[in-house]
Amino acid sequence: METYTTVKGQIVIPSTLRRKYGIKAGTKIQIYEDNGRIVLQPITREYIRRVRGAFKGSGAMKVLMEERKREREL
């Protein structure tokens, strides 16, 4: 599949992919670069279910909470 960018840099995601991945109006999409590729990752309920618990036990939540506490103190 191919698509084009508009003058504003917008792209159209083909309807078959939107349906397959549950992308609807207002769906957040994470954009990142991976080995020279631009990756679009829709943030849907299914995606959140899959990644839930991925960082469990890594201490990431503790670090996040400490960082937020410091931000509130500023």
PDB file of N, CA and C in Angstrom:
ATOM      1  N   MET A   1       0.842  -1.182   0.000  1.00  0.00           N
ATOM      2  CA  MET A   1       0.000   0.000   0.000  1.00  0.00           C
ATOM      3  C   MET A   1       0.881   1.236   0.000  1.00  0.00           C
ATOM      4  N   GLU A   2       0.415   2.249  -0.642  1.00  0.00           N
ATOM      5  CA  GLU A   2       1.118   3.530  -0.683  1.00  0.00           C
ATOM      6  C   GLU A   2       0.150   4.644  -0.354  1.00  0.00           C
ATOM      7  N   THR A   3       0.709   5.721   0.145  1.00  0.00           N
ATOM      8  CA  THR A   3      -0.073   6.923   0.415  1.00  0.00           C
ATOM      9  C   THR A   3       0.841   8.116   0.173  1.00  0.00           C
ATOM     10  N   TYR A   4       0.284   9.276   0.156  1.00  0.00           N
ATOM     11  CA  TYR A   4       1.046  10.504  -0.090  1.00  0.00           C
ATOM     12  C   TYR A   4       0.885  11.446   1.081  1.00  0.00           C
ATOM     13  N   THR A   5       1.843  12.334   1.255  1.00  0.00           N
ATOM     14  CA  THR A   5       1.721  13.360   2.283  1.00  0.00           C
ATOM     15  C   THR A   5       1.089  14.601   1.676  1.00  0.00           C
ATOM     16  N   THR A   6       0.379  15.335   2.519  1.00  0.00           N
ATOM     17  CA  THR A   6      -0.210  16.591   2.070  1.00  0.00           C
ATOM     18  C   THR A   6       0.814  17.701   2.279  1.00  0.00           C
ATOM     19  N   VAL A   7       0.456  18.895   1.890  1.00  0.00           N
ATOM     20  CA  VAL A   7       1.319  20.053   2.082  1.00  0.00           C
ATOM     21  C   VAL A   7       1.621  20.254   3.566  1.00  0.00           C
ATOM     22  N   LYS A   8       0.674  19.896   4.428  1.00  0.00           N
ATOM     23  CA  LYS A   8       0.850  20.044   5.872  1.00  0.00           C
ATOM     24  C   LYS A   8       1.584  18.855   6.496  1.00  0.00           C
ATOM     25  N   GLY A   9       1.985  17.862   5.710  1.00  0.00           N
ATOM     26  CA  GLY A   9       2.688  16.695   6.231  1.00  0.00           C
ATOM     27  C   GLY A   9       1.773  15.601   6.746  1.00  0.00           C
ATOM     28  N   GLN A  10       0.491  15.711   6.446  1.00  0.00           N
ATOM     29  CA  GLN A  10      -0.468  14.703   6.895  1.00  0.00           C
ATOM     30  C   GLN A  10      -0.480  13.526   5.919  1.00  0.00           C
ATOM     31  N   ILE A  11      -0.831  12.343   6.449  1.00  0.00           N
ATOM     32  CA  ILE A  11      -0.971  11.168   5.590  1.00  0.00           C
ATOM     33  C   ILE A  11      -2.335  10.537   5.834  1.00  0.00           C
ATOM     34  N   VAL A  12      -2.779   9.712   4.895  1.00  0.00           N
ATOM     35  CA  VAL A  12      -4.018   8.972   5.043  1.00  0.00           C
ATOM     36  C   VAL A  12      -3.658   7.515   5.260  1.00  0.00           C
ATOM     37  N   ILE A  13      -4.167   6.918   6.346  1.00  0.00           N
ATOM     38  CA  ILE A  13      -3.966   5.499   6.596  1.00  0.00           C
ATOM     39  C   ILE A  13      -5.098   4.772   5.872  1.00  0.00           C
ATOM     40  N   PRO A  14      -4.767   3.836   4.991  1.00  0.00           N
ATOM     41  CA  PRO A  14      -5.811   3.136   4.224  1.00  0.00           C
ATOM     42  C   PRO A  14      -6.869   2.510   5.135  1.00  0.00           C
ATOM     43  N   SER A  15      -8.117   2.505   4.662  1.00  0.00           N
ATOM     44  CA  SER A  15      -9.243   2.037   5.471  1.00  0.00           C
ATOM     45  C   SER A  15      -9.090   0.581   5.906  1.00  0.00           C
ATOM     46  N   THR A  16      -8.472  -0.266   5.081  1.00  0.00           N
ATOM     47  CA  THR A  16      -8.292  -1.667   5.480  1.00  0.00           C
ATOM     48  C   THR A  16      -7.412  -1.768   6.732  1.00  0.00           C
ATOM     49  N   LEU A  17      -6.379  -0.948   6.800  1.00  0.00           N
ATOM     50  CA  LEU A  17      -5.511  -0.953   7.982  1.00  0.00           C
ATOM     51  C   LEU A  17      -6.199  -0.308   9.179  1.00  0.00           C
ATOM     52  N   ARG A  18      -6.975   0.763   8.940  1.00  0.00           N
ATOM     53  CA  ARG A  18      -7.705   1.395  10.049  1.00  0.00           C
ATOM     54  C   ARG A  18      -8.663   0.406  10.691  1.00  0.00           C
ATOM     55  N   ARG A  19      -9.378  -0.358   9.875  1.00  0.00           N
ATOM     56  CA  ARG A  19     -10.314  -1.355  10.410  1.00  0.00           C
ATOM     57  C   ARG A  19      -9.561  -2.476  11.134  1.00  0.00           C
ATOM     58  N   LYS A  20      -8.495  -2.961  10.534  1.00  0.00           N
ATOM     59  CA  LYS A  20      -7.727  -4.065  11.111  1.00  0.00           C
ATOM     60  C   LYS A  20      -7.169  -3.719  12.486  1.00  0.00           C
ATOM     61  N   TYR A  21      -6.696  -2.487  12.661  1.00  0.00           N
ATOM     62  CA  TYR A  21      -6.065  -2.079  13.907  1.00  0.00           C
ATOM     63  C   TYR A  21      -6.956  -1.234  14.810  1.00  0.00           C
ATOM     64  N   GLY A  22      -8.215  -1.096  14.472  1.00  0.00           N
ATOM     65  CA  GLY A  22      -9.164  -0.386  15.326  1.00  0.00           C
ATOM     66  C   GLY A  22      -8.914   1.101  15.433  1.00  0.00           C
ATOM     67  N   ILE A  23      -8.390   1.703  14.373  1.00  0.00           N
ATOM     68  CA  ILE A  23      -8.113   3.140  14.369  1.00  0.00           C
ATOM     69  C   ILE A  23      -9.373   3.886  13.969  1.00  0.00           C
ATOM     70  N   LYS A  24      -9.842   4.743  14.856  1.00  0.00           N
ATOM     71  CA  LYS A  24     -11.037   5.552  14.601  1.00  0.00           C
ATOM     72  C   LYS A  24     -10.670   7.016  14.802  1.00  0.00           C
ATOM     73  N   ALA A  25     -11.576   7.906  14.497  1.00  0.00           N
ATOM     74  CA  ALA A  25     -11.335   9.338  14.707  1.00  0.00           C
ATOM     75  C   ALA A  25     -10.979   9.569  16.164  1.00  0.00           C
ATOM     76  N   GLY A  26      -9.881  10.262  16.413  1.00  0.00           N
ATOM     77  CA  GLY A  26      -9.453  10.563  17.765  1.00  0.00           C
ATOM     78  C   GLY A  26      -8.505   9.547  18.377  1.00  0.00           C
ATOM     79  N   THR A  27      -8.219   8.435  17.680  1.00  0.00           N
ATOM     80  CA  THR A  27      -7.290   7.436  18.204  1.00  0.00           C
ATOM     81  C   THR A  27      -5.892   8.039  18.280  1.00  0.00           C
ATOM     82  N   LYS A  28      -5.246   7.913  19.439  1.00  0.00           N
ATOM     83  CA  LYS A  28      -3.870   8.398  19.574  1.00  0.00           C
ATOM     84  C   LYS A  28      -2.947   7.422  18.855  1.00  0.00           C
ATOM     85  N   ILE A  29      -1.929   7.975  18.221  1.00  0.00           N
ATOM     86  CA  ILE A  29      -0.954   7.157  17.509  1.00  0.00           C
ATOM     87  C   ILE A  29       0.436   7.596  17.936  1.00  0.00           C
ATOM     88  N   GLN A  30       1.198   6.652  18.456  1.00  0.00           N
ATOM     89  CA  GLN A  30       2.579   6.920  18.846  1.00  0.00           C
ATOM     90  C   GLN A  30       3.447   6.807  17.600  1.00  0.00           C
ATOM     91  N   ILE A  31       4.340   7.765  17.397  1.00  0.00           N
ATOM     92  CA  ILE A  31       5.220   7.778  16.237  1.00  0.00           C
ATOM     93  C   ILE A  31       6.656   7.730  16.734  1.00  0.00           C
ATOM     94  N   TYR A  32       7.422   6.778  16.208  1.00  0.00           N
ATOM     95  CA  TYR A  32       8.826   6.700  16.581  1.00  0.00           C
ATOM     96  C   TYR A  32       9.649   6.158  15.417  1.00  0.00           C
ATOM     97  N   GLU A  33      10.959   6.336  15.524  1.00  0.00           N
ATOM     98  CA  GLU A  33      11.871   5.873  14.486  1.00  0.00           C
ATOM     99  C   GLU A  33      12.530   4.586  14.961  1.00  0.00           C
ATOM    100  N   ASP A  34      12.656   3.621  14.062  1.00  0.00           N
ATOM    101  CA  ASP A  34      13.261   2.338  14.396  1.00  0.00           C
ATOM    102  C   ASP A  34      14.108   1.867  13.222  1.00  0.00           C
ATOM    103  N   ASN A  35      15.425   1.951  13.375  1.00  0.00           N
ATOM    104  CA  ASN A  35      16.350   1.505  12.324  1.00  0.00           C
ATOM    105  C   ASN A  35      16.043   2.130  10.964  1.00  0.00           C
ATOM    106  N   GLY A  36      15.877   3.444  10.937  1.00  0.00           N
ATOM    107  CA  GLY A  36      15.639   4.148   9.682  1.00  0.00           C
ATOM    108  C   GLY A  36      14.219   4.079   9.169  1.00  0.00           C
ATOM    109  N   ARG A  37      13.311   3.536   9.960  1.00  0.00           N
ATOM    110  CA  ARG A  37      11.898   3.464   9.570  1.00  0.00           C
ATOM    111  C   ARG A  37      11.063   4.326  10.503  1.00  0.00           C
ATOM    112  N   ILE A  38       9.992   4.884   9.989  1.00  0.00           N
ATOM    113  CA  ILE A  38       9.036   5.616  10.814  1.00  0.00           C
ATOM    114  C   ILE A  38       7.913   4.635  11.138  1.00  0.00           C
ATOM    115  N   VAL A  39       7.668   4.427  12.434  1.00  0.00           N
ATOM    116  CA  VAL A  39       6.667   3.461  12.875  1.00  0.00           C
ATOM    117  C   VAL A  39       5.492   4.204  13.492  1.00  0.00           C
ATOM    118  N   LEU A  40       4.276   3.839  13.089  1.00  0.00           N
ATOM    119  CA  LEU A  40       3.046   4.387  13.651  1.00  0.00           C
ATOM    120  C   LEU A  40       2.400   3.294  14.490  1.00  0.00           C
ATOM    121  N   GLN A  41       2.257   3.511  15.798  1.00  0.00           N
ATOM    122  CA  GLN A  41       1.670   2.524  16.696  1.00  0.00           C
ATOM    123  C   GLN A  41       0.391   3.086  17.293  1.00  0.00           C
ATOM    124  N   PRO A  42      -0.778   2.574  16.855  1.00  0.00           N
ATOM    125  CA  PRO A  42      -2.030   3.077  17.432  1.00  0.00           C
ATOM    126  C   PRO A  42      -2.132   2.677  18.902  1.00  0.00           C
ATOM    127  N   ILE A  43      -2.557   3.619  19.736  1.00  0.00           N
ATOM    128  CA  ILE A  43      -2.734   3.367  21.159  1.00  0.00           C
ATOM    129  C   ILE A  43      -4.213   3.048  21.376  1.00  0.00           C
ATOM    130  N   THR A  44      -4.544   1.775  21.224  1.00  0.00           N
ATOM    131  CA  THR A  44      -5.919   1.305  21.376  1.00  0.00           C
ATOM    132  C   THR A  44      -6.035   0.479  22.647  1.00  0.00           C
ATOM    133  N   ARG A  45      -7.239   0.087  23.020  1.00  0.00           N
ATOM    134  CA  ARG A  45      -7.429  -0.752  24.201  1.00  0.00           C
ATOM    135  C   ARG A  45      -6.671  -2.070  24.047  1.00  0.00           C
ATOM    136  N   GLU A  46      -6.677  -2.639  22.856  1.00  0.00           N
ATOM    137  CA  GLU A  46      -5.961  -3.888  22.603  1.00  0.00           C
ATOM    138  C   GLU A  46      -4.460  -3.712  22.849  1.00  0.00           C
ATOM    139  N   TYR A  47      -3.897  -2.614  22.377  1.00  0.00           N
ATOM    140  CA  TYR A  47      -2.477  -2.337  22.580  1.00  0.00           C
ATOM    141  C   TYR A  47      -2.164  -2.209  24.065  1.00  0.00           C
ATOM    142  N   ILE A  48      -3.007  -1.501  24.797  1.00  0.00           N
ATOM    143  CA  ILE A  48      -2.788  -1.301  26.229  1.00  0.00           C
ATOM    144  C   ILE A  48      -2.869  -2.641  26.965  1.00  0.00           C
ATOM    145  N   ARG A  49      -3.816  -3.511  26.578  1.00  0.00           N
ATOM    146  CA  ARG A  49      -3.909  -4.837  27.198  1.00  0.00           C
ATOM    147  C   ARG A  49      -2.633  -5.648  26.963  1.00  0.00           C
ATOM    148  N   ARG A  50      -2.068  -5.539  25.769  1.00  0.00           N
ATOM    149  CA  ARG A  50      -0.859  -6.308  25.446  1.00  0.00           C
ATOM    150  C   ARG A  50       0.359  -5.841  26.231  1.00  0.00           C
ATOM    151  N   VAL A  51       0.498  -4.530  26.435  1.00  0.00           N
ATOM    152  CA  VAL A  51       1.697  -4.026  27.106  1.00  0.00           C
ATOM    153  C   VAL A  51       1.530  -3.906  28.618  1.00  0.00           C
ATOM    154  N   ARG A  52       0.316  -4.119  29.105  1.00  0.00           N
ATOM    155  CA  ARG A  52       0.080  -4.018  30.539  1.00  0.00           C
ATOM    156  C   ARG A  52       0.962  -5.033  31.267  1.00  0.00           C
ATOM    157  N   GLY A  53       1.668  -4.568  32.249  1.00  0.00           N
ATOM    158  CA  GLY A  53       2.528  -5.446  33.030  1.00  0.00           C
ATOM    159  C   GLY A  53       3.898  -5.680  32.418  1.00  0.00           C
ATOM    160  N   ALA A  54       4.195  -5.083  31.281  1.00  0.00           N
ATOM    161  CA  ALA A  54       5.480  -5.303  30.615  1.00  0.00           C
ATOM    162  C   ALA A  54       6.651  -4.821  31.464  1.00  0.00           C
ATOM    163  N   PHE A  55       6.435  -3.788  32.270  1.00  0.00           N
ATOM    164  CA  PHE A  55       7.512  -3.237  33.084  1.00  0.00           C
ATOM    165  C   PHE A  55       7.374  -3.618  34.557  1.00  0.00           C
ATOM    166  N   LYS A  56       6.506  -4.572  34.840  1.00  0.00           N
ATOM    167  CA  LYS A  56       6.277  -4.998  36.213  1.00  0.00           C
ATOM    168  C   LYS A  56       7.585  -5.525  36.812  1.00  0.00           C
ATOM    169  N   GLY A  57       7.913  -5.023  37.988  1.00  0.00           N
ATOM    170  CA  GLY A  57       9.108  -5.472  38.677  1.00  0.00           C
ATOM    171  C   GLY A  57      10.381  -4.775  38.236  1.00  0.00           C
ATOM    172  N   SER A  58      10.286  -3.865  37.251  1.00  0.00           N
ATOM    173  CA  SER A  58      11.487  -3.194  36.753  1.00  0.00           C
ATOM    174  C   SER A  58      11.827  -1.934  37.534  1.00  0.00           C
ATOM    175  N   GLY A  59      10.906  -1.483  38.399  1.00  0.00           N
ATOM    176  CA  GLY A  59      11.134  -0.261  39.166  1.00  0.00           C
ATOM    177  C   GLY A  59      10.750   0.990  38.404  1.00  0.00           C
ATOM    178  N   ALA A  60      10.187   0.834  37.216  1.00  0.00           N
ATOM    179  CA  ALA A  60       9.827   1.990  36.391  1.00  0.00           C
ATOM    180  C   ALA A  60       8.771   2.855  37.070  1.00  0.00           C
ATOM    181  N   MET A  61       7.812   2.239  37.747  1.00  0.00           N
ATOM    182  CA  MET A  61       6.752   3.004  38.402  1.00  0.00           C
ATOM    183  C   MET A  61       7.327   3.840  39.545  1.00  0.00           C
ATOM    184  N   LYS A  62       8.263   3.285  40.306  1.00  0.00           N
ATOM    185  CA  LYS A  62       8.879   4.014  41.413  1.00  0.00           C
ATOM    186  C   LYS A  62       9.614   5.244  40.890  1.00  0.00           C
ATOM    187  N   VAL A  63      10.372   5.078  39.817  1.00  0.00           N
ATOM    188  CA  VAL A  63      11.109   6.188  39.215  1.00  0.00           C
ATOM    189  C   VAL A  63      10.143   7.260  38.726  1.00  0.00           C
ATOM    190  N   LEU A  64       9.059   6.841  38.069  1.00  0.00           N
ATOM    191  CA  LEU A  64       8.059   7.783  37.566  1.00  0.00           C
ATOM    192  C   LEU A  64       7.426   8.573  38.705  1.00  0.00           C
ATOM    193  N   MET A  65       7.053   7.884  39.783  1.00  0.00           N
ATOM    194  CA  MET A  65       6.414   8.567  40.909  1.00  0.00           C
ATOM    195  C   MET A  65       7.375   9.557  41.574  1.00  0.00           C
ATOM    196  N   GLU A  66       8.658   9.193  41.688  1.00  0.00           N
ATOM    197  CA  GLU A  66       9.643  10.111  42.267  1.00  0.00           C
ATOM    198  C   GLU A  66       9.818  11.347  41.386  1.00  0.00           C
ATOM    199  N   GLU A  67       9.829  11.136  40.087  1.00  0.00           N
ATOM    200  CA  GLU A  67       9.967  12.256  39.148  1.00  0.00           C
ATOM    201  C   GLU A  67       8.776  13.193  39.230  1.00  0.00           C
ATOM    202  N   ARG A  68       7.590  12.647  39.313  1.00  0.00           N
ATOM    203  CA  ARG A  68       6.386  13.490  39.426  1.00  0.00           C
ATOM    204  C   ARG A  68       6.375  14.258  40.741  1.00  0.00           C
ATOM    205  N   LYS A  69       6.854  13.629  41.809  1.00  0.00           N
ATOM    206  CA  LYS A  69       6.911  14.303  43.109  1.00  0.00           C
ATOM    207  C   LYS A  69       7.852  15.509  43.019  1.00  0.00           C
ATOM    208  N   ARG A  70       9.006  15.326  42.379  1.00  0.00           N
ATOM    209  CA  ARG A  70       9.956  16.448  42.217  1.00  0.00           C
ATOM    210  C   ARG A  70       9.341  17.567  41.400  1.00  0.00           C
ATOM    211  N   GLU A  71       8.588  17.228  40.346  1.00  0.00           N
ATOM    212  CA  GLU A  71       7.949  18.245  39.502  1.00  0.00           C
ATOM    213  C   GLU A  71       6.928  19.057  40.300  1.00  0.00           C
ATOM    214  N   ARG A  72       6.182  18.384  41.187  1.00  0.00           N
ATOM    215  CA  ARG A  72       5.198  19.104  42.000  1.00  0.00           C
ATOM    216  C   ARG A  72       5.849  20.067  42.971  1.00  0.00           C
ATOM    217  N   GLU A  73       7.059  19.716  43.440  1.00  0.00           N
ATOM    218  CA  GLU A  73       7.759  20.548  44.402  1.00  0.00           C
ATOM    219  C   GLU A  73       8.354  21.805  43.765  1.00  0.00           C
ATOM    220  N   LEU A  74       8.501  21.826  42.441  1.00  0.00           N
ATOM    221  CA  LEU A  74       9.076  22.997  41.759  1.00  0.00           C
ATOM    222  C   LEU A  74       8.144  24.138  41.671  1.00  0.00           C
TER     223      LEU A  74
END
